[in-house]
């Protein structure tokens, strides 16, 4: 299998290693290329798996089985356009684009290709449990939050220099934390209407928004979503209010709690790579075994429009 990775930052390296592990498990031979925008040397544990390093689009071959797009978000649209005639299968890191001004019609995609956009939180055991066990007819209110402190995200790296801090590179909680809207639409579908207030409010030295609050209106329920970069106590959870009581899913502690009977379900899901590995397995199942792609570019673009309050 011939694969090209465009972007080998932390998430690109994770996808590389997970792909290698799975393809080895499947007894498939690999040829791996990496398109890079820097001459900085790769670590030995990464470079030993790379058959060819490239530095311009012109150097790309025309027959890749898969292209992974993990470069900065603001480059995704043009990258997809460039490689669309070089592969029929893409794994695109989230968010799909940095803007809703792009024209999907100008991207020439194959009708039988797989164009998957990353949605790893769907593979958290808490989310899978809720997906398989919720009675949607009993739900009348939902409250979700993702709060953490941006300077703590990447130890030993100046938070002011990462893309999250830069509006023109696709930073800001509304897009950066689009995982929340992805799993919420996965669980409950798209709201009929969404309202949003956002802005820069904390002392963080960034020019992207650090707070975004949404209200989503459904036919029979309301949804509240809080996203921020300044929470000193990390919190990532969903509260679901039903006729029977409150259900709390904690995505950090990996547990689901029921107020009605005090039931507390805990999951062995502490290794963050588990969800990424399961996602990659699912992606290869799409390519090798015809499994349905549930987060293609069109769906991911709709989630992006939702995050922009453009329903």
C-alpha atoms as a PDB file:
ATOM      1  CA  UNK A   1       0.000   0.000   0.000  1.00  0.00           C
ATOM      2  CA  UNK A   2       1.428   3.337  -1.101  1.00  0.00           C
ATOM      3  CA  UNK A   3       0.732   6.183   1.328  1.00  0.00           C
ATOM      4  CA  UNK A   4       1.681   9.846   1.507  1.00  0.00           C
ATOM      5  CA  UNK A   5       1.586  11.942   4.672  1.00  0.00           C
ATOM      6  CA  UNK A   6       1.237  15.686   4.178  1.00  0.00           C
ATOM      7  CA  UNK A   7       2.188  17.164   7.526  1.00  0.00           C
ATOM      8  CA  UNK A   8       4.130  15.310  10.205  1.00  0.00           C
ATOM      9  CA  UNK A   9       3.385  17.309  13.315  1.00  0.00           C
ATOM     10  CA  UNK A  10       2.268  15.536  16.472  1.00  0.00           C
ATOM     11  CA  UNK A  11      -1.051  14.336  15.033  1.00  0.00           C
ATOM     12  CA  UNK A  12       0.533  13.371  11.708  1.00  0.00           C
ATOM     13  CA  UNK A  13       3.116  11.257  13.511  1.00  0.00           C
ATOM     14  CA  UNK A  14       0.375   9.584  15.543  1.00  0.00           C
ATOM     15  CA  UNK A  15      -1.535   8.691  12.379  1.00  0.00           C
ATOM     16  CA  UNK A  16       1.685   7.423  10.795  1.00  0.00           C
ATOM     17  CA  UNK A  17       2.497   5.045  13.646  1.00  0.00           C
ATOM     18  CA  UNK A  18      -1.079   3.802  13.975  1.00  0.00           C
ATOM     19  CA  UNK A  19      -1.220   3.157  10.225  1.00  0.00           C
ATOM     20  CA  UNK A  20       2.033   1.214  10.330  1.00  0.00           C
ATOM     21  CA  UNK A  21       0.834  -0.902  13.256  1.00  0.00           C
ATOM     22  CA  UNK A  22      -2.455  -1.748  11.559  1.00  0.00           C
ATOM     23  CA  UNK A  23      -1.003  -2.461   8.125  1.00  0.00           C
ATOM     24  CA  UNK A  24       1.579  -4.715   9.767  1.00  0.00           C
ATOM     25  CA  UNK A  25      -1.279  -6.495  11.530  1.00  0.00           C
ATOM     26  CA  UNK A  26      -3.010  -6.884   8.142  1.00  0.00           C
ATOM     27  CA  UNK A  27       0.223  -8.220   6.553  1.00  0.00           C
ATOM     28  CA  UNK A  28       0.194  -5.472   3.928  1.00  0.00           C
ATOM     29  CA  UNK A  29       3.388  -4.064   2.474  1.00  0.00           C
ATOM     30  CA  UNK A  30       3.882  -0.312   2.750  1.00  0.00           C
ATOM     31  CA  UNK A  31       5.641   2.417   0.835  1.00  0.00           C
ATOM     32  CA  UNK A  32       5.448   5.677   2.763  1.00  0.00           C
ATOM     33  CA  UNK A  33       6.166   9.156   1.432  1.00  0.00           C
ATOM     34  CA  UNK A  34       6.120  12.369   3.467  1.00  0.00           C
ATOM     35  CA  UNK A  35       5.561  15.839   2.030  1.00  0.00           C
ATOM     36  CA  UNK A  36       7.187  18.358   4.364  1.00  0.00           C
ATOM     37  CA  UNK A  37       7.542  22.135   4.538  1.00  0.00           C
ATOM     38  CA  UNK A  38      10.689  22.100   6.663  1.00  0.00           C
ATOM     39  CA  UNK A  39      14.201  20.688   6.495  1.00  0.00           C
ATOM     40  CA  UNK A  40      14.148  19.955  10.214  1.00  0.00           C
ATOM     41  CA  UNK A  41      15.346  16.407  10.814  1.00  0.00           C
ATOM     42  CA  UNK A  42      12.749  13.840  11.804  1.00  0.00           C
ATOM     43  CA  UNK A  43      13.396  11.692  14.845  1.00  0.00           C
ATOM     44  CA  UNK A  44      14.942   8.287  14.204  1.00  0.00           C
ATOM     45  CA  UNK A  45      11.794   6.385  15.202  1.00  0.00           C
ATOM     46  CA  UNK A  46       9.857   8.278  12.507  1.00  0.00           C
ATOM     47  CA  UNK A  47      12.379   8.596   9.689  1.00  0.00           C
ATOM     48  CA  UNK A  48      13.069   4.853   9.664  1.00  0.00           C
ATOM     49  CA  UNK A  49       9.537   4.332   8.334  1.00  0.00           C
ATOM     50  CA  UNK A  50       9.712   6.985   5.590  1.00  0.00           C
ATOM     51  CA  UNK A  51      10.765   5.730   2.160  1.00  0.00           C
ATOM     52  CA  UNK A  52      10.850   9.155   0.526  1.00  0.00           C
ATOM     53  CA  UNK A  53      10.745  12.736   1.808  1.00  0.00           C
ATOM     54  CA  UNK A  54       9.295  15.365  -0.538  1.00  0.00           C
ATOM     55  CA  UNK A  55       9.244  19.150  -0.327  1.00  0.00           C
ATOM     56  CA  UNK A  56       7.011  20.351  -3.176  1.00  0.00           C
ATOM     57  CA  UNK A  57       3.686  19.240  -4.633  1.00  0.00           C
ATOM     58  CA  UNK A  58       5.423  18.656  -7.970  1.00  0.00           C
ATOM     59  CA  UNK A  59       7.382  15.790  -6.412  1.00  0.00           C
ATOM     60  CA  UNK A  60       4.237  13.851  -5.510  1.00  0.00           C
ATOM     61  CA  UNK A  61       3.496  10.630  -7.365  1.00  0.00           C
ATOM     62  CA  UNK A  62       0.150  10.118  -9.080  1.00  0.00           C
ATOM     63  CA  UNK A  63      -0.789   6.705  -7.698  1.00  0.00           C
ATOM     64  CA  UNK A  64      -1.170   6.863  -3.914  1.00  0.00           C
ATOM     65  CA  UNK A  65      -3.574   4.446  -2.269  1.00  0.00           C
ATOM     66  CA  UNK A  66      -4.071   6.945   0.574  1.00  0.00           C
ATOM     67  CA  UNK A  67      -3.070  10.523   1.287  1.00  0.00           C
ATOM     68  CA  UNK A  68      -3.159  11.777   4.876  1.00  0.00           C
ATOM     69  CA  UNK A  69      -3.725  15.526   5.150  1.00  0.00           C
ATOM     70  CA  UNK A  70      -2.435  16.733   8.512  1.00  0.00           C
ATOM     71  CA  UNK A  71      -0.960  20.101   7.638  1.00  0.00           C
ATOM     72  CA  UNK A  72      -2.364  23.380   9.077  1.00  0.00           C
ATOM     73  CA  UNK A  73      -6.116  23.778   8.643  1.00  0.00           C
ATOM     74  CA  UNK A  74      -5.877  26.859   6.455  1.00  0.00           C
ATOM     75  CA  UNK A  75      -3.989  24.773   3.857  1.00  0.00           C
ATOM     76  CA  UNK A  76      -6.482  21.891   3.671  1.00  0.00           C
ATOM     77  CA  UNK A  77      -8.674  23.143   0.833  1.00  0.00           C
ATOM     78  CA  UNK A  78      -5.839  23.823  -1.606  1.00  0.00           C
ATOM     79  CA  UNK A  79      -4.072  20.616  -0.561  1.00  0.00           C
ATOM     80  CA  UNK A  80      -7.157  18.522  -1.268  1.00  0.00           C
ATOM     81  CA  UNK A  81      -7.526  20.181  -4.684  1.00  0.00           C
ATOM     82  CA  UNK A  82      -3.888  19.413  -5.540  1.00  0.00           C
ATOM     83  CA  UNK A  83      -3.946  15.745  -4.499  1.00  0.00           C
ATOM     84  CA  UNK A  84      -7.468  14.899  -5.696  1.00  0.00           C
ATOM     85  CA  UNK A  85      -6.056  13.451  -8.935  1.00  0.00           C
ATOM     86  CA  UNK A  86      -3.309  11.546  -7.137  1.00  0.00           C
ATOM     87  CA  UNK A  87      -5.444   9.357  -4.868  1.00  0.00           C
ATOM     88  CA  UNK A  88      -9.011   8.171  -4.358  1.00  0.00           C
ATOM     89  CA  UNK A  89      -8.681   7.892  -0.588  1.00  0.00           C
ATOM     90  CA  UNK A  90      -7.933  10.649   1.905  1.00  0.00           C
ATOM     91  CA  UNK A  91      -7.780  10.907   5.672  1.00  0.00           C
ATOM     92  CA  UNK A  92      -8.229  14.604   6.479  1.00  0.00           C
ATOM     93  CA  UNK A  93      -7.441  15.949   9.918  1.00  0.00           C
ATOM     94  CA  UNK A  94     -10.131  18.047  11.576  1.00  0.00           C
ATOM     95  CA  UNK A  95     -11.451  20.598  10.988  1.00  0.00           C
ATOM     96  CA  UNK A  96     -11.944  19.962   7.302  1.00  0.00           C
ATOM     97  CA  UNK A  97     -11.346  23.644   6.391  1.00  0.00           C
ATOM     98  CA  UNK A  98     -10.720  26.936   8.158  1.00  0.00           C
ATOM     99  CA  UNK A  99     -13.588  28.718   6.393  1.00  0.00           C
ATOM    100  CA  UNK A 100     -17.049  28.101   4.957  1.00  0.00           C
ATOM    101  CA  UNK A 101     -16.258  30.243   1.921  1.00  0.00           C
ATOM    102  CA  UNK A 102     -14.797  27.301   0.011  1.00  0.00           C
ATOM    103  CA  UNK A 103     -16.621  25.769  -2.965  1.00  0.00           C
ATOM    104  CA  UNK A 104     -16.834  21.975  -2.656  1.00  0.00           C
ATOM    105  CA  UNK A 105     -17.795  21.814  -6.321  1.00  0.00           C
ATOM    106  CA  UNK A 106     -14.280  22.837  -7.310  1.00  0.00           C
ATOM    107  CA  UNK A 107     -12.781  19.766  -5.651  1.00  0.00           C
ATOM    108  CA  UNK A 108     -12.737  16.924  -8.162  1.00  0.00           C
ATOM    109  CA  UNK A 109     -13.356  13.877  -6.006  1.00  0.00           C
ATOM    110  CA  UNK A 110     -13.864  10.327  -7.239  1.00  0.00           C
ATOM    111  CA  UNK A 111     -17.387   8.963  -6.829  1.00  0.00           C
ATOM    112  CA  UNK A 112     -15.983   5.701  -5.471  1.00  0.00           C
ATOM    113  CA  UNK A 113     -13.305   7.267  -3.266  1.00  0.00           C
ATOM    114  CA  UNK A 114     -13.125   7.477   0.524  1.00  0.00           C
ATOM    115  CA  UNK A 115     -12.664  11.008   1.859  1.00  0.00           C
ATOM    116  CA  UNK A 116     -12.805  10.744   5.632  1.00  0.00           C
ATOM    117  CA  UNK A 117     -12.499  13.645   8.077  1.00  0.00           C
ATOM    118  CA  UNK A 118     -11.110  12.864  11.530  1.00  0.00           C
ATOM    119  CA  UNK A 119     -13.684  12.497  14.314  1.00  0.00           C
ATOM    120  CA  UNK A 120     -11.837  10.596  17.073  1.00  0.00           C
ATOM    121  CA  UNK A 121     -14.152  11.467  19.982  1.00  0.00           C
ATOM    122  CA  UNK A 122     -16.803   9.267  18.379  1.00  0.00           C
ATOM    123  CA  UNK A 123     -14.552   6.349  19.306  1.00  0.00           C
ATOM    124  CA  UNK A 124     -14.375   7.206  23.007  1.00  0.00           C
ATOM    125  CA  UNK A 125     -16.123   4.482  25.000  1.00  0.00           C
ATOM    126  CA  UNK A 126     -18.278   7.071  26.780  1.00  0.00           C
ATOM    127  CA  UNK A 127     -19.600   8.380  23.455  1.00  0.00           C
ATOM    128  CA  UNK A 128     -20.133   4.882  22.083  1.00  0.00           C
ATOM    129  CA  UNK A 129     -22.068   3.916  25.219  1.00  0.00           C
ATOM    130  CA  UNK A 130     -24.307   6.981  24.921  1.00  0.00           C
ATOM    131  CA  UNK A 131     -24.810   6.371  21.201  1.00  0.00           C
ATOM    132  CA  UNK A 132     -25.994   2.821  21.816  1.00  0.00           C
ATOM    133  CA  UNK A 133     -28.051   3.354  24.971  1.00  0.00           C
ATOM    134  CA  UNK A 134     -29.727   6.773  24.941  1.00  0.00           C
ATOM    135  CA  UNK A 135     -33.481   7.019  24.524  1.00  0.00           C
ATOM    136  CA  UNK A 136     -33.677  10.240  22.517  1.00  0.00           C
ATOM    137  CA  UNK A 137     -37.420  10.565  23.053  1.00  0.00           C
ATOM    138  CA  UNK A 138     -36.873  11.172  26.773  1.00  0.00           C
ATOM    139  CA  UNK A 139     -34.236  13.911  26.360  1.00  0.00           C
ATOM    140  CA  UNK A 140     -35.305  17.550  26.665  1.00  0.00           C
ATOM    141  CA  UNK A 141     -32.033  19.351  27.453  1.00  0.00           C
ATOM    142  CA  UNK A 142     -28.312  18.840  26.836  1.00  0.00           C
ATOM    143  CA  UNK A 143     -25.366  20.745  28.260  1.00  0.00           C
ATOM    144  CA  UNK A 144     -21.801  20.101  27.061  1.00  0.00           C
ATOM    145  CA  UNK A 145     -18.499  21.737  27.943  1.00  0.00           C
ATOM    146  CA  UNK A 146     -14.881  21.567  26.853  1.00  0.00           C
ATOM    147  CA  UNK A 147     -12.714  23.779  29.046  1.00  0.00           C
ATOM    148  CA  UNK A 148      -8.923  23.673  29.375  1.00  0.00           C
ATOM    149  CA  UNK A 149      -5.906  25.962  29.603  1.00  0.00           C
ATOM    150  CA  UNK A 150      -4.218  26.500  26.233  1.00  0.00           C
ATOM    151  CA  UNK A 151      -0.675  26.996  27.667  1.00  0.00           C
ATOM    152  CA  UNK A 152      -0.917  23.480  29.159  1.00  0.00           C
ATOM    153  CA  UNK A 153      -1.805  21.797  25.869  1.00  0.00           C
ATOM    154  CA  UNK A 154       1.713  21.353  24.557  1.00  0.00           C
ATOM    155  CA  UNK A 155       4.377  21.308  27.296  1.00  0.00           C
ATOM    156  CA  UNK A 156       7.655  23.045  26.413  1.00  0.00           C
ATOM    157  CA  UNK A 157       6.059  24.853  23.449  1.00  0.00           C
ATOM    158  CA  UNK A 158       5.145  28.547  23.559  1.00  0.00           C
ATOM    159  CA  UNK A 159       1.361  28.565  23.260  1.00  0.00           C
ATOM    160  CA  UNK A 160       1.496  31.969  21.550  1.00  0.00           C
ATOM    161  CA  UNK A 161       3.221  30.401  18.539  1.00  0.00           C
ATOM    162  CA  UNK A 162       0.878  27.471  17.869  1.00  0.00           C
ATOM    163  CA  UNK A 163      -1.934  27.641  15.322  1.00  0.00           C
ATOM    164  CA  UNK A 164      -4.579  27.631  18.073  1.00  0.00           C
ATOM    165  CA  UNK A 165      -3.460  31.134  19.041  1.00  0.00           C
ATOM    166  CA  UNK A 166      -3.630  32.484  15.489  1.00  0.00           C
ATOM    167  CA  UNK A 167      -6.937  33.381  13.920  1.00  0.00           C
ATOM    168  CA  UNK A 168      -5.500  33.472  10.385  1.00  0.00           C
ATOM    169  CA  UNK A 169      -4.282  29.863  10.697  1.00  0.00           C
ATOM    170  CA  UNK A 170      -7.641  28.469  11.780  1.00  0.00           C
ATOM    171  CA  UNK A 171      -7.187  28.936  15.520  1.00  0.00           C
ATOM    172  CA  UNK A 172      -9.909  29.772  18.019  1.00  0.00           C
ATOM    173  CA  UNK A 173     -12.079  27.513  20.145  1.00  0.00           C
ATOM    174  CA  UNK A 174     -15.038  27.436  17.739  1.00  0.00           C
ATOM    175  CA  UNK A 175     -13.014  25.595  15.087  1.00  0.00           C
ATOM    176  CA  UNK A 176     -10.199  24.145  17.200  1.00  0.00           C
ATOM    177  CA  UNK A 177     -12.699  22.355  19.454  1.00  0.00           C
ATOM    178  CA  UNK A 178     -15.049  21.354  16.650  1.00  0.00           C
ATOM    179  CA  UNK A 179     -14.811  17.793  18.007  1.00  0.00           C
ATOM    180  CA  UNK A 180     -17.616  18.723  20.423  1.00  0.00           C
ATOM    181  CA  UNK A 181     -20.046  19.646  17.668  1.00  0.00           C
ATOM    182  CA  UNK A 182     -18.998  16.537  15.776  1.00  0.00           C
ATOM    183  CA  UNK A 183     -19.882  14.147  18.595  1.00  0.00           C
ATOM    184  CA  UNK A 184     -23.030  16.119  19.503  1.00  0.00           C
ATOM    185  CA  UNK A 185     -24.381  15.864  15.948  1.00  0.00           C
ATOM    186  CA  UNK A 186     -23.320  12.202  15.929  1.00  0.00           C
ATOM    187  CA  UNK A 187     -25.460  11.613  19.023  1.00  0.00           C
ATOM    188  CA  UNK A 188     -28.405  13.947  18.423  1.00  0.00           C
ATOM    189  CA  UNK A 189     -28.316  15.095  14.809  1.00  0.00           C
ATOM    190  CA  UNK A 190     -28.146  18.712  13.664  1.00  0.00           C
ATOM    191  CA  UNK A 191     -30.151  21.382  15.488  1.00  0.00           C
ATOM    192  CA  UNK A 192     -32.764  23.312  13.533  1.00  0.00           C
ATOM    193  CA  UNK A 193     -31.239  26.615  14.616  1.00  0.00           C
ATOM    194  CA  UNK A 194     -28.073  27.666  16.422  1.00  0.00           C
ATOM    195  CA  UNK A 195     -27.135  30.862  18.253  1.00  0.00           C
ATOM    196  CA  UNK A 196     -23.553  31.758  19.162  1.00  0.00           C
ATOM    197  CA  UNK A 197     -21.618  34.328  21.163  1.00  0.00           C
ATOM    198  CA  UNK A 198     -17.837  34.263  20.942  1.00  0.00           C
ATOM    199  CA  UNK A 199     -14.805  36.429  21.483  1.00  0.00           C
ATOM    200  CA  UNK A 200     -11.473  37.003  23.190  1.00  0.00           C
ATOM    201  CA  UNK A 201     -12.007  37.631  26.916  1.00  0.00           C
ATOM    202  CA  UNK A 202      -9.116  36.215  28.961  1.00  0.00           C
ATOM    203  CA  UNK A 203      -5.552  37.419  29.522  1.00  0.00           C
ATOM    204  CA  UNK A 204      -4.127  34.862  27.069  1.00  0.00           C
ATOM    205  CA  UNK A 205      -1.774  36.433  24.519  1.00  0.00           C
ATOM    206  CA  UNK A 206      -3.586  35.232  21.410  1.00  0.00           C
ATOM    207  CA  UNK A 207      -5.615  36.872  18.645  1.00  0.00           C
ATOM    208  CA  UNK A 208      -8.103  34.016  18.217  1.00  0.00           C
ATOM    209  CA  UNK A 209     -11.288  33.696  20.256  1.00  0.00           C
ATOM    210  CA  UNK A 210     -10.871  31.956  23.630  1.00  0.00           C
ATOM    211  CA  UNK A 211     -14.572  31.587  24.466  1.00  0.00           C
ATOM    212  CA  UNK A 212     -17.525  30.417  22.403  1.00  0.00           C
ATOM    213  CA  UNK A 213     -20.998  29.649  23.731  1.00  0.00           C
ATOM    214  CA  UNK A 214     -23.749  28.072  21.641  1.00  0.00           C
ATOM    215  CA  UNK A 215     -27.448  27.410  22.058  1.00  0.00           C
ATOM    216  CA  UNK A 216     -28.828  24.819  19.669  1.00  0.00           C
ATOM    217  CA  UNK A 217     -32.577  24.497  19.159  1.00  0.00           C
ATOM    218  CA  UNK A 218     -34.158  21.142  18.265  1.00  0.00           C
ATOM    219  CA  UNK A 219     -37.820  20.312  17.799  1.00  0.00           C
ATOM    220  CA  UNK A 220     -38.088  18.864  21.297  1.00  0.00           C
ATOM    221  CA  UNK A 221     -34.981  19.999  23.189  1.00  0.00           C
ATOM    222  CA  UNK A 222     -32.331  22.658  23.680  1.00  0.00           C
ATOM    223  CA  UNK A 223     -28.573  22.154  23.663  1.00  0.00           C
ATOM    224  CA  UNK A 224     -25.955  24.348  25.356  1.00  0.00           C
ATOM    225  CA  UNK A 225     -22.267  24.135  24.421  1.00  0.00           C
ATOM    226  CA  UNK A 226     -19.414  25.953  26.196  1.00  0.00           C
ATOM    227  CA  UNK A 227     -15.909  26.017  24.690  1.00  0.00           C
ATOM    228  CA  UNK A 228     -12.911  27.840  26.148  1.00  0.00           C
ATOM    229  CA  UNK A 229      -9.100  28.010  26.215  1.00  0.00           C
ATOM    230  CA  UNK A 230      -8.760  29.378  29.757  1.00  0.00           C
ATOM    231  CA  UNK A 231     -10.149  26.768  32.154  1.00  0.00           C
ATOM    232  CA  UNK A 232      -7.482  25.929  34.743  1.00  0.00           C
ATOM    233  CA  UNK A 233      -9.345  22.749  35.752  1.00  0.00           C
ATOM    234  CA  UNK A 234      -9.773  20.639  32.594  1.00  0.00           C
ATOM    235  CA  UNK A 235     -13.377  19.668  31.989  1.00  0.00           C
ATOM    236  CA  UNK A 236     -14.878  17.762  29.079  1.00  0.00           C
ATOM    237  CA  UNK A 237     -18.307  16.370  29.729  1.00  0.00           C
ATOM    238  CA  UNK A 238     -21.893  16.192  28.616  1.00  0.00           C
ATOM    239  CA  UNK A 239     -24.988  16.417  30.825  1.00  0.00           C
ATOM    240  CA  UNK A 240     -28.180  14.946  29.426  1.00  0.00           C
ATOM    241  CA  UNK A 241     -31.449  15.855  31.133  1.00  0.00           C
ATOM    242  CA  UNK A 242     -34.237  13.313  30.707  1.00  0.00           C
ATOM    243  CA  UNK A 243     -37.640  12.555  32.181  1.00  0.00           C
ATOM    244  CA  UNK A 244     -35.972   9.934  34.372  1.00  0.00           C
ATOM    245  CA  UNK A 245     -33.119  12.104  35.655  1.00  0.00           C
ATOM    246  CA  UNK A 246     -29.705  13.376  34.623  1.00  0.00           C
ATOM    247  CA  UNK A 247     -27.025  11.419  32.775  1.00  0.00           C
ATOM    248  CA  UNK A 248     -23.459  12.738  32.928  1.00  0.00           C
ATOM    249  CA  UNK A 249     -20.783  11.534  30.521  1.00  0.00           C
ATOM    250  CA  UNK A 250     -17.261  12.523  31.589  1.00  0.00           C
ATOM    251  CA  UNK A 251     -14.799  12.238  28.701  1.00  0.00           C
ATOM    252  CA  UNK A 252     -11.768  12.867  30.912  1.00  0.00           C
ATOM    253  CA  UNK A 253     -12.617  10.453  33.725  1.00  0.00           C
ATOM    254  CA  UNK A 254     -14.165   7.974  31.236  1.00  0.00           C
ATOM    255  CA  UNK A 255     -17.382   7.396  33.127  1.00  0.00           C
ATOM    256  CA  UNK A 256     -21.143   7.693  32.742  1.00  0.00           C
ATOM    257  CA  UNK A 257     -23.252   8.511  35.802  1.00  0.00           C
ATOM    258  CA  UNK A 258     -27.027   8.188  36.202  1.00  0.00           C
ATOM    259  CA  UNK A 259     -28.776  10.294  38.856  1.00  0.00           C
ATOM    260  CA  UNK A 260     -31.951   8.191  38.720  1.00  0.00           C
ATOM    261  CA  UNK A 261     -30.396   5.048  40.202  1.00  0.00           C
ATOM    262  CA  UNK A 262     -26.905   6.322  41.109  1.00  0.00           C
ATOM    263  CA  UNK A 263     -25.446   3.913  38.596  1.00  0.00           C
ATOM    264  CA  UNK A 264     -21.840   4.730  37.723  1.00  0.00           C
ATOM    265  CA  UNK A 265     -20.226   3.057  34.712  1.00  0.00           C
ATOM    266  CA  UNK A 266     -16.461   3.356  34.353  1.00  0.00           C
ATOM    267  CA  UNK A 267     -14.511   2.544  31.207  1.00  0.00           C
ATOM    268  CA  UNK A 268     -10.911   1.448  30.771  1.00  0.00           C
ATOM    269  CA  UNK A 269     -10.125   4.159  28.249  1.00  0.00           C
ATOM    270  CA  UNK A 270      -7.236   6.078  29.788  1.00  0.00           C
ATOM    271  CA  UNK A 271      -4.794   5.651  26.906  1.00  0.00           C
ATOM    272  CA  UNK A 272      -5.656   8.524  24.527  1.00  0.00           C
ATOM    273  CA  UNK A 273      -4.285   6.567  21.576  1.00  0.00           C
ATOM    274  CA  UNK A 274      -7.042   3.960  21.873  1.00  0.00           C
ATOM    275  CA  UNK A 275      -9.628   6.168  20.179  1.00  0.00           C
ATOM    276  CA  UNK A 276      -7.181   7.197  17.442  1.00  0.00           C
ATOM    277  CA  UNK A 277      -6.272   3.573  16.784  1.00  0.00           C
ATOM    278  CA  UNK A 278      -9.928   2.537  16.607  1.00  0.00           C
ATOM    279  CA  UNK A 279     -10.614   5.420  14.255  1.00  0.00           C
ATOM    280  CA  UNK A 280      -7.747   4.342  12.005  1.00  0.00           C
ATOM    281  CA  UNK A 281      -8.979   0.749  12.030  1.00  0.00           C
ATOM    282  CA  UNK A 282     -12.395   2.008  10.973  1.00  0.00           C
ATOM    283  CA  UNK A 283     -10.813   4.064   8.171  1.00  0.00           C
ATOM    284  CA  UNK A 284      -8.929   1.070   6.792  1.00  0.00           C
ATOM    285  CA  UNK A 285     -12.129  -0.981   7.015  1.00  0.00           C
ATOM    286  CA  UNK A 286     -13.747   1.575   4.692  1.00  0.00           C
ATOM    287  CA  UNK A 287     -10.978   1.112   2.138  1.00  0.00           C
ATOM    288  CA  UNK A 288     -10.353  -2.617   2.471  1.00  0.00           C
ATOM    289  CA  UNK A 289     -13.826  -3.927   3.306  1.00  0.00           C
ATOM    290  CA  UNK A 290     -16.296  -1.335   2.037  1.00  0.00           C
ATOM    291  CA  UNK A 291     -17.437  -0.060   5.424  1.00  0.00           C
ATOM    292  CA  UNK A 292     -19.587   3.077   5.203  1.00  0.00           C
ATOM    293  CA  UNK A 293     -17.899   6.457   5.629  1.00  0.00           C
ATOM    294  CA  UNK A 294     -19.956   8.307   8.255  1.00  0.00           C
ATOM    295  CA  UNK A 295     -17.939  11.517   8.248  1.00  0.00           C
ATOM    296  CA  UNK A 296     -17.134  12.480   4.693  1.00  0.00           C
ATOM    297  CA  UNK A 297     -16.151  15.972   3.524  1.00  0.00           C
ATOM    298  CA  UNK A 298     -19.781  17.010   3.011  1.00  0.00           C
ATOM    299  CA  UNK A 299     -20.826  16.075   6.554  1.00  0.00           C
ATOM    300  CA  UNK A 300     -17.711  17.652   8.053  1.00  0.00           C
ATOM    301  CA  UNK A 301     -18.404  20.840   6.075  1.00  0.00           C
ATOM    302  CA  UNK A 302     -21.932  20.954   7.513  1.00  0.00           C
ATOM    303  CA  UNK A 303     -20.490  20.649  11.032  1.00  0.00           C
ATOM    304  CA  UNK A 304     -18.091  23.481  10.203  1.00  0.00           C
ATOM    305  CA  UNK A 305     -21.007  25.643   9.040  1.00  0.00           C
ATOM    306  CA  UNK A 306     -22.803  24.789  12.278  1.00  0.00           C
ATOM    307  CA  UNK A 307     -19.800  26.000  14.274  1.00  0.00           C
ATOM    308  CA  UNK A 308     -20.000  29.249  12.291  1.00  0.00           C
ATOM    309  CA  UNK A 309     -23.712  29.667  13.129  1.00  0.00           C
ATOM    310  CA  UNK A 310     -24.667  29.152   9.485  1.00  0.00           C
ATOM    311  CA  UNK A 311     -27.454  26.576   9.614  1.00  0.00           C
END
